[in-house]
Amino acid sequence: AQAGVRYSLENPAAYIQSNLVGFGHILEGCRH
């Protein structure tokens, strides 16, 4: 995941891509 609480204030896009989009790919891989 994109870690770090304080860094999420500076670079929110990194968290959306890694922690949300990336997790979606993990779920899809497990499903299929």
Full PDB file with SEQRES, HELIX, SHEET, SSBOND, CRYST1, ORIGX, SCALE, CONECT and MASTER records, all heavy atoms in Angstrom:
SEQRES   1 A   32  ALA GLN ALA GLY VAL ARG TYR SER LEU GLU ASN PRO ALA          
SEQRES   2 A   32  ALA TYR ILE GLN SER ASN LEU VAL GLY PHE GLY HIS ILE          
SEQRES   3 A   32  LEU GLU GLY CYS ARG HIS                                      
HELIX    1 AA1 TYR A    7  GLU A   10  1                                   4    
HELIX    2 AA2 PRO A   12  TYR A   15  1                                   4    
HELIX    3 AA3 ILE A   16  VAL A   21  3                                   6    
HELIX    4 AA4 GLY A   22  ARG A   31  1                                  10    
CRYST1    1.000    1.000    1.000  90.00  90.00  90.00 P 1           1          
ORIGX1      1.000000  0.000000  0.000000        0.00000                         
ORIGX2      0.000000  1.000000  0.000000        0.00000                         
ORIGX3      0.000000  0.000000  1.000000        0.00000                         
SCALE1      1.000000  0.000000  0.000000        0.00000                         
SCALE2      0.000000  1.000000  0.000000        0.00000                         
SCALE3      0.000000  0.000000  1.000000        0.00000                         
ATOM      1  N   ALA A   1       0.865  -1.187   0.000  1.00  0.00           N  
ATOM      2  CA  ALA A   1       0.000   0.000   0.000  1.00  0.00           C  
ATOM      3  C   ALA A   1       0.891   1.223   0.000  1.00  0.00           C  
ATOM      4  O   ALA A   1       2.071   1.145   0.342  1.00  0.00           O  
ATOM      5  CB  ALA A   1      -0.905   0.019   1.238  1.00  0.00           C  
ATOM      6  N   GLN A   2       0.302   2.347  -0.386  1.00  0.00           N  
ATOM      7  CA  GLN A   2       1.008   3.599  -0.145  1.00  0.00           C  
ATOM      8  C   GLN A   2       0.801   3.915   1.328  1.00  0.00           C  
ATOM      9  O   GLN A   2      -0.327   4.141   1.774  1.00  0.00           O  
ATOM     10  CB  GLN A   2       0.463   4.728  -1.015  1.00  0.00           C  
ATOM     11  CG  GLN A   2       1.148   6.060  -0.758  1.00  0.00           C  
ATOM     12  CD  GLN A   2       2.663   5.990  -0.918  1.00  0.00           C  
ATOM     13  OE1 GLN A   2       3.165   5.698  -1.989  1.00  0.00           O  
ATOM     14  NE2 GLN A   2       3.398   6.262   0.152  1.00  0.00           N  
ATOM     15  N   ALA A   3       1.877   3.870   2.086  1.00  0.00           N  
ATOM     16  CA  ALA A   3       1.788   4.006   3.542  1.00  0.00           C  
ATOM     17  C   ALA A   3       1.974   5.456   3.964  1.00  0.00           C  
ATOM     18  O   ALA A   3       2.361   6.318   3.173  1.00  0.00           O  
ATOM     19  CB  ALA A   3       2.853   3.130   4.197  1.00  0.00           C  
ATOM     20  N   GLY A   4       1.710   5.697   5.247  1.00  0.00           N  
ATOM     21  CA  GLY A   4       1.990   6.998   5.849  1.00  0.00           C  
ATOM     22  C   GLY A   4       0.775   7.898   5.921  1.00  0.00           C  
ATOM     23  O   GLY A   4       0.133   8.168   4.907  1.00  0.00           O  
ATOM     24  N   VAL A   5       0.455   8.352   7.120  1.00  0.00           N  
ATOM     25  CA  VAL A   5      -0.686   9.253   7.309  1.00  0.00           C  
ATOM     26  C   VAL A   5      -0.357  10.650   6.806  1.00  0.00           C  
ATOM     27  O   VAL A   5      -1.123  11.244   6.042  1.00  0.00           O  
ATOM     28  CB  VAL A   5      -1.091   9.292   8.798  1.00  0.00           C  
ATOM     29  CG1 VAL A   5      -2.094  10.412   9.052  1.00  0.00           C  
ATOM     30  CG2 VAL A   5      -1.678   7.949   9.222  1.00  0.00           C  
ATOM     31  N   ARG A   6       0.795  11.190   7.204  1.00  0.00           N  
ATOM     32  CA  ARG A   6       1.103  12.581   6.853  1.00  0.00           C  
ATOM     33  C   ARG A   6       1.324  12.773   5.364  1.00  0.00           C  
ATOM     34  O   ARG A   6       0.945  13.783   4.783  1.00  0.00           O  
ATOM     35  CB  ARG A   6       2.322  13.056   7.652  1.00  0.00           C  
ATOM     36  CG  ARG A   6       2.039  13.093   9.164  1.00  0.00           C  
ATOM     37  CD  ARG A   6       3.189  13.636   9.987  1.00  0.00           C  
ATOM     38  NE  ARG A   6       2.871  13.482  11.404  1.00  0.00           N  
ATOM     39  CZ  ARG A   6       3.514  12.695  12.240  1.00  0.00           C  
ATOM     40  NH1 ARG A   6       4.537  11.982  11.808  1.00  0.00           N  
ATOM     41  NH2 ARG A   6       3.139  12.603  13.502  1.00  0.00           N  
ATOM     42  N   TYR A   7       1.937  11.767   4.713  1.00  0.00           N  
ATOM     43  CA  TYR A   7       2.187  11.878   3.275  1.00  0.00           C  
ATOM     44  C   TYR A   7       0.884  11.903   2.483  1.00  0.00           C  
ATOM     45  O   TYR A   7       0.830  12.451   1.380  1.00  0.00           O  
ATOM     46  CB  TYR A   7       3.073  10.712   2.822  1.00  0.00           C  
ATOM     47  CG  TYR A   7       3.518  10.772   1.381  1.00  0.00           C  
ATOM     48  CD1 TYR A   7       4.270  11.848   0.908  1.00  0.00           C  
ATOM     49  CD2 TYR A   7       3.196   9.758   0.485  1.00  0.00           C  
ATOM     50  CE1 TYR A   7       4.683  11.909  -0.421  1.00  0.00           C  
ATOM     51  CE2 TYR A   7       3.604   9.800  -0.834  1.00  0.00           C  
ATOM     52  CZ  TYR A   7       4.348  10.877  -1.288  1.00  0.00           C  
ATOM     53  OH  TYR A   7       4.758  10.923  -2.599  1.00  0.00           O  
ATOM     54  N   SER A   8      -0.186  11.342   3.050  1.00  0.00           N  
ATOM     55  CA  SER A   8      -1.468  11.338   2.341  1.00  0.00           C  
ATOM     56  C   SER A   8      -2.042  12.742   2.204  1.00  0.00           C  
ATOM     57  O   SER A   8      -2.886  12.990   1.338  1.00  0.00           O  
ATOM     58  CB  SER A   8      -2.473  10.423   3.045  1.00  0.00           C  
ATOM     59  OG  SER A   8      -2.880  10.947   4.288  1.00  0.00           O  
ATOM     60  N   LEU A   9      -1.582  13.668   3.049  1.00  0.00           N  
ATOM     61  CA  LEU A   9      -2.021  15.060   2.912  1.00  0.00           C  
ATOM     62  C   LEU A   9      -1.322  15.738   1.739  1.00  0.00           C  
ATOM     63  O   LEU A   9      -1.860  16.680   1.158  1.00  0.00           O  
ATOM     64  CB  LEU A   9      -1.727  15.840   4.205  1.00  0.00           C  
ATOM     65  CG  LEU A   9      -2.730  15.709   5.357  1.00  0.00           C  
ATOM     66  CD1 LEU A   9      -2.776  14.290   5.908  1.00  0.00           C  
ATOM     67  CD2 LEU A   9      -2.383  16.692   6.471  1.00  0.00           C  
ATOM     68  N   GLU A  10      -0.125  15.259   1.400  1.00  0.00           N  
ATOM     69  CA  GLU A  10       0.670  15.874   0.334  1.00  0.00           C  
ATOM     70  C   GLU A  10       0.409  15.255  -1.034  1.00  0.00           C  
ATOM     71  O   GLU A  10       0.463  15.945  -2.050  1.00  0.00           O  
ATOM     72  CB  GLU A  10       2.169  15.733   0.654  1.00  0.00           C  
ATOM     73  CG  GLU A  10       2.583  16.312   1.996  1.00  0.00           C  
ATOM     74  CD  GLU A  10       4.006  15.898   2.350  1.00  0.00           C  
ATOM     75  OE1 GLU A  10       4.768  15.518   1.437  1.00  0.00           O  
ATOM     76  OE2 GLU A  10       4.354  15.940   3.549  1.00  0.00           O  
ATOM     77  N   ASN A  11       0.155  13.954  -1.067  1.00  0.00           N  
ATOM     78  CA  ASN A  11       0.049  13.258  -2.345  1.00  0.00           C  
ATOM     79  C   ASN A  11      -1.133  12.289  -2.326  1.00  0.00           C  
ATOM     80  O   ASN A  11      -0.958  11.069  -2.378  1.00  0.00           O  
ATOM     81  CB  ASN A  11       1.349  12.511  -2.643  1.00  0.00           C  
ATOM     82  CG  ASN A  11       1.409  11.969  -4.053  1.00  0.00           C  
ATOM     83  OD1 ASN A  11       0.508  12.193  -4.852  1.00  0.00           O  
ATOM     84  ND2 ASN A  11       2.453  11.231  -4.366  1.00  0.00           N  
ATOM     85  N   PRO A  12      -2.366  12.799  -2.281  1.00  0.00           N  
ATOM     86  CA  PRO A  12      -3.520  11.906  -2.162  1.00  0.00           C  
ATOM     87  C   PRO A  12      -3.682  10.971  -3.355  1.00  0.00           C  
ATOM     88  O   PRO A  12      -4.176   9.854  -3.199  1.00  0.00           O  
ATOM     89  CB  PRO A  12      -4.705  12.871  -2.048  1.00  0.00           C  
ATOM     90  CG  PRO A  12      -4.212  14.177  -2.575  1.00  0.00           C  
ATOM     91  CD  PRO A  12      -2.754  14.223  -2.265  1.00  0.00           C  
ATOM     92  N   ALA A  13      -3.255  11.400  -4.540  1.00  0.00           N  
ATOM     93  CA  ALA A  13      -3.436  10.561  -5.728  1.00  0.00           C  
ATOM     94  C   ALA A  13      -2.719   9.226  -5.594  1.00  0.00           C  
ATOM     95  O   ALA A  13      -3.209   8.194  -6.068  1.00  0.00           O  
ATOM     96  CB  ALA A  13      -2.939  11.297  -6.974  1.00  0.00           C  
ATOM     97  N   ALA A  14      -1.561   9.206  -4.924  1.00  0.00           N  
ATOM     98  CA  ALA A  14      -0.814   7.963  -4.749  1.00  0.00           C  
ATOM     99  C   ALA A  14      -1.614   6.953  -3.938  1.00  0.00           C  
ATOM    100  O   ALA A  14      -1.555   5.743  -4.188  1.00  0.00           O  
ATOM    101  CB  ALA A  14       0.520   8.243  -4.061  1.00  0.00           C  
ATOM    102  N   TYR A  15      -2.394   7.440  -2.974  1.00  0.00           N  
ATOM    103  CA  TYR A  15      -3.190   6.562  -2.119  1.00  0.00           C  
ATOM    104  C   TYR A  15      -4.396   6.012  -2.875  1.00  0.00           C  
ATOM    105  O   TYR A  15      -4.769   4.852  -2.705  1.00  0.00           O  
ATOM    106  CB  TYR A  15      -3.628   7.317  -0.866  1.00  0.00           C  
ATOM    107  CG  TYR A  15      -2.460   7.627   0.039  1.00  0.00           C  
ATOM    108  CD1 TYR A  15      -1.573   8.650  -0.270  1.00  0.00           C  
ATOM    109  CD2 TYR A  15      -2.215   6.869   1.173  1.00  0.00           C  
ATOM    110  CE1 TYR A  15      -0.476   8.908   0.535  1.00  0.00           C  
ATOM    111  CE2 TYR A  15      -1.130   7.123   1.986  1.00  0.00           C  
ATOM    112  CZ  TYR A  15      -0.257   8.140   1.660  1.00  0.00           C  
ATOM    113  OH  TYR A  15       0.831   8.385   2.453  1.00  0.00           O  
ATOM    114  N   ILE A  16      -4.986   6.851  -3.702  1.00  0.00           N  
ATOM    115  CA  ILE A  16      -6.141   6.401  -4.479  1.00  0.00           C  
ATOM    116  C   ILE A  16      -5.719   5.312  -5.461  1.00  0.00           C  
ATOM    117  O   ILE A  16      -6.378   4.276  -5.591  1.00  0.00           O  
ATOM    118  CB  ILE A  16      -6.788   7.590  -5.207  1.00  0.00           C  
ATOM    119  CG1 ILE A  16      -7.424   8.531  -4.171  1.00  0.00           C  
ATOM    120  CG2 ILE A  16      -7.820   7.118  -6.223  1.00  0.00           C  
ATOM    121  CD1 ILE A  16      -7.825   9.881  -4.715  1.00  0.00           C  
ATOM    122  N   GLN A  17      -4.595   5.504  -6.138  1.00  0.00           N  
ATOM    123  CA  GLN A  17      -4.138   4.528  -7.121  1.00  0.00           C  
ATOM    124  C   GLN A  17      -3.702   3.223  -6.474  1.00  0.00           C  
ATOM    125  O   GLN A  17      -4.121   2.134  -6.868  1.00  0.00           O  
ATOM    126  CB  GLN A  17      -2.983   5.119  -7.953  1.00  0.00           C  
ATOM    127  CG  GLN A  17      -3.414   6.195  -8.924  1.00  0.00           C  
ATOM    128  CD  GLN A  17      -4.425   5.674  -9.940  1.00  0.00           C  
ATOM    129  OE1 GLN A  17      -4.236   4.630 -10.548  1.00  0.00           O  
ATOM    130  NE2 GLN A  17      -5.512   6.398 -10.103  1.00  0.00           N  
ATOM    131  N   SER A  18      -2.849   3.293  -5.466  1.00  0.00           N  
ATOM    132  CA  SER A  18      -2.302   2.079  -4.859  1.00  0.00           C  
ATOM    133  C   SER A  18      -3.310   1.388  -3.953  1.00  0.00           C  
ATOM    134  O   SER A  18      -3.554   0.182  -4.071  1.00  0.00           O  
ATOM    135  CB  SER A  18      -1.037   2.407  -4.068  1.00  0.00           C  
ATOM    136  OG  SER A  18      -0.495   1.243  -3.487  1.00  0.00           O  
ATOM    137  N   ASN A  19      -3.920   2.166  -3.062  1.00  0.00           N  
ATOM    138  CA  ASN A  19      -4.731   1.560  -2.012  1.00  0.00           C  
ATOM    139  C   ASN A  19      -6.151   1.217  -2.443  1.00  0.00           C  
ATOM    140  O   ASN A  19      -6.790   0.359  -1.825  1.00  0.00           O  
ATOM    141  CB  ASN A  19      -4.776   2.476  -0.786  1.00  0.00           C  
ATOM    142  CG  ASN A  19      -3.403   2.741  -0.197  1.00  0.00           C  
ATOM    143  OD1 ASN A  19      -2.386   2.372  -0.785  1.00  0.00           O  
ATOM    144  ND2 ASN A  19      -3.357   3.390   0.941  1.00  0.00           N  
ATOM    145  N   LEU A  20      -6.651   1.881  -3.476  1.00  0.00           N  
ATOM    146  CA  LEU A  20      -8.003   1.592  -3.949  1.00  0.00           C  
ATOM    147  C   LEU A  20      -7.979   0.840  -5.283  1.00  0.00           C  
ATOM    148  O   LEU A  20      -8.483  -0.274  -5.382  1.00  0.00           O  
ATOM    149  CB  LEU A  20      -8.809   2.890  -4.069  1.00  0.00           C  
ATOM    150  CG  LEU A  20      -9.006   3.659  -2.756  1.00  0.00           C  
ATOM    151  CD1 LEU A  20      -9.830   4.918  -2.989  1.00  0.00           C  
ATOM    152  CD2 LEU A  20      -9.689   2.787  -1.713  1.00  0.00           C  
ATOM    153  N   VAL A  21      -7.374   1.444  -6.309  1.00  0.00           N  
ATOM    154  CA  VAL A  21      -7.295   0.767  -7.605  1.00  0.00           C  
ATOM    155  C   VAL A  21      -6.499  -0.531  -7.478  1.00  0.00           C  
ATOM    156  O   VAL A  21      -6.916  -1.591  -7.958  1.00  0.00           O  
ATOM    157  CB  VAL A  21      -6.666   1.693  -8.671  1.00  0.00           C  
ATOM    158  CG1 VAL A  21      -6.463   0.953  -9.988  1.00  0.00           C  
ATOM    159  CG2 VAL A  21      -7.540   2.933  -8.888  1.00  0.00           C  
ATOM    160  N   GLY A  22      -5.350  -0.463  -6.817  1.00  0.00           N  
ATOM    161  CA  GLY A  22      -4.515  -1.645  -6.642  1.00  0.00           C  
ATOM    162  C   GLY A  22      -5.222  -2.748  -5.879  1.00  0.00           C  
ATOM    163  O   GLY A  22      -5.127  -3.929  -6.231  1.00  0.00           O  
ATOM    164  N   PHE A  23      -5.952  -2.380  -4.829  1.00  0.00           N  
ATOM    165  CA  PHE A  23      -6.670  -3.394  -4.056  1.00  0.00           C  
ATOM    166  C   PHE A  23      -7.772  -4.030  -4.890  1.00  0.00           C  
ATOM    167  O   PHE A  23      -8.047  -5.229  -4.770  1.00  0.00           O  
ATOM    168  CB  PHE A  23      -7.249  -2.780  -2.782  1.00  0.00           C  
ATOM    169  CG  PHE A  23      -7.809  -3.801  -1.821  1.00  0.00           C  
ATOM    170  CD1 PHE A  23      -7.028  -4.821  -1.331  1.00  0.00           C  
ATOM    171  CD2 PHE A  23      -9.132  -3.737  -1.408  1.00  0.00           C  
ATOM    172  CE1 PHE A  23      -7.539  -5.761  -0.447  1.00  0.00           C  
ATOM    173  CE2 PHE A  23      -9.656  -4.673  -0.527  1.00  0.00           C  
ATOM    174  CZ  PHE A  23      -8.860  -5.690  -0.040  1.00  0.00           C  
ATOM    175  N   GLY A  24      -8.384  -3.248  -5.768  1.00  0.00           N  
ATOM    176  CA  GLY A  24      -9.378  -3.814  -6.674  1.00  0.00           C  
ATOM    177  C   GLY A  24      -8.787  -4.900  -7.550  1.00  0.00           C  
ATOM    178  O   GLY A  24      -9.429  -5.929  -7.808  1.00  0.00           O  
ATOM    179  N   HIS A  25      -7.549  -4.692  -8.001  1.00  0.00           N  
ATOM    180  CA  HIS A  25      -6.894  -5.712  -8.825  1.00  0.00           C  
ATOM    181  C   HIS A  25      -6.593  -6.982  -8.021  1.00  0.00           C  
ATOM    182  O   HIS A  25      -6.671  -8.099  -8.550  1.00  0.00           O  
ATOM    183  CB  HIS A  25      -5.609  -5.144  -9.425  1.00  0.00           C  
ATOM    184  CG  HIS A  25      -5.868  -4.044 -10.413  1.00  0.00           C  
ATOM    185  ND1 HIS A  25      -4.956  -3.040 -10.658  1.00  0.00           N  
ATOM    186  CD2 HIS A  25      -6.947  -3.773 -11.201  1.00  0.00           C  
ATOM    187  CE1 HIS A  25      -5.459  -2.212 -11.563  1.00  0.00           C  
ATOM    188  NE2 HIS A  25      -6.662  -2.637 -11.897  1.00  0.00           N  
ATOM    189  N   ILE A  26      -6.253  -6.817  -6.747  1.00  0.00           N  
ATOM    190  CA  ILE A  26      -6.036  -7.981  -5.878  1.00  0.00           C  
ATOM    191  C   ILE A  26      -7.340  -8.772  -5.739  1.00  0.00           C  
ATOM    192  O   ILE A  26      -7.363 -10.007  -5.860  1.00  0.00           O  
ATOM    193  CB  ILE A  26      -5.532  -7.542  -4.491  1.00  0.00           C  
ATOM    194  CG1 ILE A  26      -4.125  -6.943  -4.585  1.00  0.00           C  
ATOM    195  CG2 ILE A  26      -5.573  -8.703  -3.498  1.00  0.00           C  
ATOM    196  CD1 ILE A  26      -3.053  -7.944  -4.948  1.00  0.00           C  
ATOM    197  N   LEU A  27      -8.434  -8.090  -5.479  1.00  0.00           N  
ATOM    198  CA  LEU A  27      -9.717  -8.760  -5.323  1.00  0.00           C  
ATOM    199  C   LEU A  27     -10.119  -9.492  -6.604  1.00  0.00           C  
ATOM    200  O   LEU A  27     -10.606 -10.635  -6.563  1.00  0.00           O  
ATOM    201  CB  LEU A  27     -10.792  -7.747  -4.930  1.00  0.00           C  
ATOM    202  CG  LEU A  27     -10.663  -7.152  -3.522  1.00  0.00           C  
ATOM    203  CD1 LEU A  27     -11.633  -5.990  -3.353  1.00  0.00           C  
ATOM    204  CD2 LEU A  27     -10.920  -8.209  -2.457  1.00  0.00           C  
ATOM    205  N   GLU A  28      -9.908  -8.859  -7.744  1.00  0.00           N  
ATOM    206  CA  GLU A  28     -10.251  -9.488  -9.016  1.00  0.00           C  
ATOM    207  C   GLU A  28      -9.392 -10.723  -9.271  1.00  0.00           C  
ATOM    208  O   GLU A  28      -9.873 -11.755  -9.749  1.00  0.00           O  
ATOM    209  CB  GLU A  28     -10.097  -8.490 -10.156  1.00  0.00           C  
ATOM    210  CG  GLU A  28     -11.267  -7.539 -10.304  1.00  0.00           C  
ATOM    211  CD  GLU A  28     -12.512  -8.268 -10.823  1.00  0.00           C  
ATOM    212  OE1 GLU A  28     -12.651  -8.427 -12.044  1.00  0.00           O  
ATOM    213  OE2 GLU A  28     -13.335  -8.691  -9.971  1.00  0.00           O  
ATOM    214  N   GLY A  29      -8.107 -10.632  -8.933  1.00  0.00           N  
ATOM    215  CA  GLY A  29      -7.226 -11.786  -9.095  1.00  0.00           C  
ATOM    216  C   GLY A  29      -7.672 -12.955  -8.237  1.00  0.00           C  
ATOM    217  O   GLY A  29      -7.708 -14.105  -8.684  1.00  0.00           O  
ATOM    218  N   CYS A  30      -8.026 -12.671  -6.985  1.00  0.00           N  
ATOM    219  CA  CYS A  30      -8.502 -13.723  -6.088  1.00  0.00           C  
ATOM    220  C   CYS A  30      -9.802 -14.324  -6.605  1.00  0.00           C  
ATOM    221  O   CYS A  30     -10.000 -15.550  -6.572  1.00  0.00           O  
ATOM    222  CB  CYS A  30      -8.716 -13.157  -4.684  1.00  0.00           C  
ATOM    223  SG  CYS A  30      -7.209 -12.691  -3.807  1.00  0.00           S  
ATOM    224  N   ARG A  31     -10.681 -13.471  -7.098  1.00  0.00           N  
ATOM    225  CA  ARG A  31     -11.984 -13.934  -7.588  1.00  0.00           C  
ATOM    226  C   ARG A  31     -11.839 -14.877  -8.781  1.00  0.00           C  
ATOM    227  O   ARG A  31     -12.456 -15.942  -8.830  1.00  0.00           O  
ATOM    228  CB  ARG A  31     -12.822 -12.718  -7.974  1.00  0.00           C  
ATOM    229  CG  ARG A  31     -14.093 -13.045  -8.736  1.00  0.00           C  
ATOM    230  CD  ARG A  31     -14.645 -11.806  -9.424  1.00  0.00           C  
ATOM    231  NE  ARG A  31     -15.753 -12.137 -10.303  1.00  0.00           N  
ATOM    232  CZ  ARG A  31     -16.264 -11.299 -11.193  1.00  0.00           C  
ATOM    233  NH1 ARG A  31     -15.742 -10.081 -11.333  1.00  0.00           N  
ATOM    234  NH2 ARG A  31     -17.274 -11.663 -11.956  1.00  0.00           N  
ATOM    235  N   HIS A  32     -11.027 -14.496  -9.743  1.00  0.00           N  
ATOM    236  CA  HIS A  32     -10.970 -15.227 -11.004  1.00  0.00           C  
ATOM    237  C   HIS A  32     -10.052 -16.449 -10.957  1.00  0.00           C  
ATOM    238  O   HIS A  32     -10.122 -17.289 -11.856  1.00  0.00           O  
ATOM    239  CB  HIS A  32     -10.526 -14.293 -12.129  1.00  0.00           C  
ATOM    240  CG  HIS A  32     -11.578 -13.299 -12.523  1.00  0.00           C  
ATOM    241  ND1 HIS A  32     -12.769 -13.664 -13.104  1.00  0.00           N  
ATOM    242  CD2 HIS A  32     -11.617 -11.947 -12.402  1.00  0.00           C  
ATOM    243  CE1 HIS A  32     -13.510 -12.592 -13.327  1.00  0.00           C  
ATOM    244  NE2 HIS A  32     -12.832 -11.527 -12.910  1.00  0.00           N  
TER     245      HIS A  32                                                      
MASTER        0    0    0    4    0    0    0    6  244    1    0    3          
END                                                                             
